[in-house]
Protein backbone atom coordinates (compact mmCIF):
# COMPACT_ATOMS: atom_id res chain seq x y z
CA UNK A 1 118.95 107.08 243.15
CA UNK A 2 122.49 106.05 243.72
CA UNK A 3 124.92 108.36 242.05
CA UNK A 4 125.97 107.76 237.85
CA UNK A 5 129.00 105.31 237.45
CA UNK A 6 132.09 107.45 235.87
CA UNK A 7 134.28 105.14 233.65
CA UNK A 8 137.62 106.34 232.86
CA UNK A 9 138.86 105.09 229.11
CA UNK A 10 142.39 105.44 228.71
CA UNK A 11 144.88 105.07 225.68
CA UNK A 12 147.94 106.28 224.17
CA UNK A 13 145.76 108.07 220.80
CA UNK A 14 142.57 107.82 219.25
CA UNK A 15 142.57 103.78 219.25
CA UNK A 16 140.75 103.61 222.60
CA UNK A 17 137.68 105.26 220.80
CA UNK A 18 137.16 101.74 219.41
CA UNK A 19 136.73 100.37 223.36
CA UNK A 20 135.08 103.45 223.72
CA UNK A 21 132.29 103.10 221.81
CA UNK A 22 131.24 99.48 223.13
CA UNK A 23 131.51 100.37 226.35
CA UNK A 24 129.13 103.06 225.83
CA UNK A 25 127.12 101.00 223.80
CA UNK A 26 126.52 98.94 226.99
CA UNK A 27 126.59 101.44 229.70
CA UNK A 28 124.47 104.55 227.78
CA UNK A 29 124.15 106.34 231.75
CA UNK A 30 127.87 106.08 232.61
CA UNK A 31 129.54 109.10 232.41
CA UNK A 32 132.89 109.07 230.84
CA UNK A 33 135.91 110.64 230.32
CA UNK A 34 138.65 109.37 227.46
CA UNK A 35 141.85 109.91 228.05
CA UNK A 36 144.50 109.95 225.35
CA UNK A 37 148.40 110.20 226.29
CA UNK A 38 149.00 111.50 222.59
CA UNK A 39 151.89 113.48 223.59
CA UNK A 40 154.26 110.49 224.05
CA UNK A 41 152.16 108.22 221.11
CA UNK A 42 153.39 106.04 219.85
CA UNK A 43 153.72 103.86 223.55
CA UNK A 44 155.89 101.22 221.38
CA UNK A 45 158.65 104.22 221.31
CA UNK A 46 158.78 104.28 224.92
CA UNK A 47 160.91 101.63 227.34
CA UNK A 48 159.17 99.65 229.41
CA UNK A 49 160.60 101.24 232.68
CA UNK A 50 159.63 104.84 231.15
CA UNK A 51 156.31 103.62 230.21
CA UNK A 52 155.08 102.19 233.60
CA UNK A 53 156.69 105.74 235.17
CA UNK A 54 154.42 107.51 232.70
CA UNK A 55 151.11 105.87 233.18
CA UNK A 56 151.19 105.37 236.73
CA UNK A 57 152.18 108.78 237.11
CA UNK A 58 149.42 109.65 234.83
CA UNK A 59 146.95 108.02 236.85
CA UNK A 60 148.28 109.36 239.80
CA UNK A 61 146.45 112.71 238.24
CA UNK A 62 143.82 111.18 236.91
CA UNK A 63 142.22 109.46 239.68
CA UNK A 64 142.68 112.49 241.81
CA UNK A 65 141.13 114.72 238.99
CA UNK A 66 137.79 112.35 238.12
CA UNK A 67 137.44 110.06 240.81
CA UNK A 68 136.13 107.04 238.26
CA UNK A 69 134.61 104.27 239.49
CA UNK A 70 136.61 101.85 237.24
CA UNK A 71 139.14 102.58 234.53
CA UNK A 72 139.57 100.49 231.26
CA UNK A 73 143.22 100.36 229.82
CA UNK A 74 142.42 100.76 226.34
CA UNK A 75 146.01 99.43 224.87
CA UNK A 76 147.19 96.46 224.88
CA UNK A 77 150.83 98.06 225.10
CA UNK A 78 150.07 99.50 227.89
CA UNK A 79 147.73 96.67 229.45
CA UNK A 80 150.86 94.49 228.86
CA UNK A 81 153.66 96.29 230.39
CA UNK A 82 151.80 99.07 232.83
CA UNK A 83 148.52 97.25 234.04
CA UNK A 84 150.22 95.06 237.29
CA UNK A 85 151.95 98.42 238.97
CA UNK A 86 148.49 100.56 238.51
CA UNK A 87 146.68 97.06 239.85
CA UNK A 88 149.51 97.40 242.62
CA UNK A 89 149.33 100.79 243.54
CA UNK A 90 145.58 101.55 243.17
CA UNK A 91 142.53 100.35 244.62
CA UNK A 92 140.50 101.35 241.32
CA UNK A 93 139.23 98.32 239.62
CA UNK A 94 141.03 98.19 236.07
CA UNK A 95 140.08 96.52 233.04
CA UNK A 96 143.10 95.93 230.72
CA UNK A 97 143.31 94.81 226.74
CA UNK A 98 145.12 92.21 225.97
CA UNK A 99 145.18 90.05 222.53
CA UNK A 100 141.78 87.65 222.56
CA UNK A 101 143.90 84.48 221.26
CA UNK A 102 141.75 82.37 222.97
CA UNK A 103 138.38 83.05 221.33
CA UNK A 104 140.54 83.40 218.33
CA UNK A 105 141.54 79.95 218.14
CA UNK A 106 138.22 78.22 218.76
CA UNK A 107 136.82 79.83 215.88
CA UNK A 108 139.57 79.12 213.83
CA UNK A 109 138.24 76.46 210.94
CA UNK A 110 141.46 76.23 208.97
CA UNK A 111 143.54 76.34 212.72
CA UNK A 112 145.94 78.87 211.31
CA UNK A 113 145.49 81.88 213.60
CA UNK A 114 147.56 85.32 213.12
CA UNK A 115 148.20 87.79 215.96
CA UNK A 116 148.88 91.38 214.82
CA UNK A 117 149.58 94.21 216.77
CA UNK A 118 152.40 96.51 217.46
CA UNK A 119 155.79 95.29 217.53
CA UNK A 120 155.89 96.02 221.44
CA UNK A 121 153.17 93.79 221.92
CA UNK A 122 154.06 90.92 219.68
CA UNK A 123 157.51 91.06 221.63
CA UNK A 124 155.96 90.53 224.85
CA UNK A 125 156.48 87.52 226.65
CA UNK A 126 152.94 87.95 228.07
CA UNK A 127 151.53 87.79 224.50
CA UNK A 128 153.86 84.23 223.82
CA UNK A 129 151.94 83.01 227.08
CA UNK A 130 148.87 83.33 226.14
CA UNK A 131 149.36 81.43 223.04
CA UNK A 132 151.62 78.76 224.95
CA UNK A 133 148.03 78.02 227.12
CA UNK A 134 145.34 79.04 224.68
CA UNK A 135 146.55 77.97 221.28
CA UNK A 136 144.34 75.19 221.09
CA UNK A 137 146.49 73.16 218.59
CA UNK A 138 146.56 75.86 216.07
CA UNK A 139 149.21 77.45 214.23
CA UNK A 140 149.21 81.20 215.65
CA UNK A 141 151.73 83.48 213.68
CA UNK A 142 153.09 86.90 214.93
CA UNK A 143 153.24 90.06 213.41
CA UNK A 144 153.64 93.26 214.56
CA UNK A 145 153.52 96.72 212.51
CA UNK A 146 155.19 99.52 212.74
CA UNK A 147 152.99 102.05 211.12
CA UNK A 148 149.19 100.52 211.40
CA UNK A 149 148.59 102.58 214.54
CA UNK A 150 149.98 106.13 212.97
CA UNK A 151 147.91 105.15 209.94
CA UNK A 152 144.43 104.62 212.05
CA UNK A 153 145.43 107.78 213.87
CA UNK A 154 145.53 109.65 210.55
CA UNK A 155 142.54 108.10 209.03
CA UNK A 156 140.77 109.07 211.38
CA UNK A 157 141.71 112.52 211.09
CA UNK A 158 141.26 112.63 207.47
CA UNK A 159 144.90 112.24 205.82
CA UNK A 160 144.65 108.65 205.37
CA UNK A 161 147.25 106.20 204.19
CA UNK A 162 147.57 104.96 200.87
CA UNK A 163 146.00 101.66 199.96
CA UNK A 164 149.58 100.19 199.02
CA UNK A 165 150.70 101.23 202.31
CA UNK A 166 148.23 98.91 204.21
CA UNK A 167 148.49 96.21 202.14
CA UNK A 168 152.53 96.23 203.07
CA UNK A 169 151.81 96.46 206.72
CA UNK A 170 148.52 93.33 206.51
CA UNK A 171 150.93 91.49 203.79
CA UNK A 172 152.59 89.40 206.68
CA UNK A 173 149.00 87.99 208.30
CA UNK A 174 148.09 86.18 205.69
CA UNK A 175 149.61 82.95 204.60
CA UNK A 176 148.74 80.09 202.89
CA UNK A 177 150.72 77.11 202.53
CA UNK A 178 148.02 74.34 202.15
CA UNK A 179 146.20 76.17 204.95
CA UNK A 180 144.90 79.59 204.52
CA UNK A 181 145.20 81.86 207.51
CA UNK A 182 141.48 82.54 208.75
CA UNK A 183 141.52 84.16 211.38
CA UNK A 184 143.65 87.46 212.66
CA UNK A 185 143.59 88.88 216.06
CA UNK A 186 143.32 92.79 216.25
CA UNK A 187 145.86 93.12 219.03
CA UNK A 188 145.88 96.84 219.10
CA UNK A 189 143.15 99.13 219.43
CA UNK A 190 143.65 101.48 217.00
CA UNK A 191 143.38 98.65 213.92
CA UNK A 192 139.61 98.24 214.41
CA UNK A 193 139.28 101.84 213.19
CA UNK A 194 140.85 100.65 209.67
CA UNK A 195 138.72 97.40 209.90
CA UNK A 196 136.31 98.40 206.47
CA UNK A 197 140.07 98.69 204.46
CA UNK A 198 141.41 95.88 206.36
CA UNK A 199 138.70 93.67 204.76
CA UNK A 200 138.71 95.24 201.32
CA UNK A 201 142.52 95.18 201.00
CA UNK A 202 143.00 91.62 202.43
CA UNK A 203 143.99 88.94 199.75
CA UNK A 204 141.40 86.48 201.45
CA UNK A 205 138.37 87.02 203.26
CA UNK A 206 139.54 86.53 207.19
CA UNK A 207 137.76 86.66 210.61
CA UNK A 208 139.17 89.64 212.40
CA UNK A 209 138.62 89.24 216.04
CA UNK A 210 137.81 92.95 218.59
CA UNK A 211 138.48 92.41 221.70
CA UNK A 212 136.32 95.70 222.52
CA UNK A 213 133.12 93.51 223.08
CA UNK A 214 134.67 91.31 225.67
CA UNK A 215 136.00 94.42 227.33
CA UNK A 216 132.13 95.85 227.33
CA UNK A 217 130.97 92.53 228.98
CA UNK A 218 133.71 92.85 231.76
CA UNK A 219 132.66 96.44 232.61
CA UNK A 220 129.19 95.27 232.81
CA UNK A 221 130.24 92.08 234.96
CA UNK A 222 132.19 94.60 237.65
CA UNK A 223 129.32 97.72 237.34
CA UNK A 224 126.33 96.07 236.45
CA UNK A 225 123.69 96.94 234.17
CA UNK A 226 122.93 100.62 232.99
CA UNK A 227 120.63 102.38 235.33
CA UNK A 228 116.98 103.13 233.29
CA UNK A 229 116.42 106.58 231.66
CA UNK A 230 119.59 108.74 231.82
CA UNK A 231 121.79 109.65 229.16
CA UNK A 232 125.37 109.97 230.74
CA UNK A 233 127.72 112.48 229.35
CA UNK A 234 131.08 111.80 227.48
CA UNK A 235 134.69 114.34 227.25
CA UNK A 236 137.87 113.73 226.41
CA UNK A 237 141.03 114.88 227.80
CA UNK A 238 144.04 114.90 225.71
CA UNK A 239 148.12 115.30 227.09
CA UNK A 240 148.92 117.61 224.20
CA UNK A 241 145.94 119.56 224.66
CA UNK A 242 145.29 119.49 220.93
CA UNK A 243 142.69 116.78 220.57
CA UNK A 244 140.80 116.47 217.08
CA UNK A 245 137.27 117.79 217.86
CA UNK A 246 135.94 116.16 214.53
CA UNK A 247 137.23 112.36 214.83
CA UNK A 248 135.76 112.91 218.45
CA UNK A 249 132.83 114.18 217.34
CA UNK A 250 131.77 110.81 215.30
CA UNK A 251 131.94 109.25 218.69
CA UNK A 252 129.88 111.76 220.51
CA UNK A 253 132.54 112.71 222.33
CA UNK A 254 132.98 116.47 223.70
CA UNK A 255 136.29 117.57 224.24
CA UNK A 256 137.64 119.29 227.34
CA UNK A 257 140.08 122.42 227.23
CA UNK A 258 141.68 121.15 230.34
CA UNK A 259 144.46 119.01 229.63
CA UNK A 260 146.77 116.59 231.96
CA UNK A 261 150.47 117.83 233.25
CA UNK A 262 153.08 116.00 231.35
CA UNK A 263 154.25 112.96 234.03
CA UNK A 264 157.63 112.76 234.32
């Protein structure tokens, strides 16, 4: 019998759990290592060279320690900035996370779409290139949120932000000048953690596009379908050493006592 697949899911914090959830659903037989670089959260506070050096340094250690078959970079900021350097240095297959602009524009009826991410993600030339290539005649608005990723982390550990705080972050996403925004790309993996509140607090109904299902399909493309009659394992590592046990329990992940050493 072939050895079970080992999948490493990497994010700056807890947002990648939304991606882990989808990948684990299609590969329940795999052994997962979820790595949160929470010691450096939020990534949009780092300049590009520092972020690349940090992520590549962490993967030097992670690959040596865990020997994964595939790594998912469950973070838009890390994917758009550090993924090219990771692919250049390591032979490991990487699946990145990028704003789902093409399917969002294909699905929009009013032809008005918002890409809603961190300030770092919406500022990237990579994101603008996706809009140029895939807008398909839609009017696309870029909205960078300063606080929503932190609000999502707080929500998951039981200290939620107020409705007013979340409304203030999402308000620029909604445009009505005769054509209303009808589709919002969630271009940060933290944001689906707040999906119920985003839906409830929106000034009108919209279609939120979460990239996680597409990422899960790509993992199956690369690794194949699940092995029958095997239940995989899932554990989490936090660079701070302070993983929130209650939050991880909601995703059926076992926290690991060992931490990843700080990357310079």
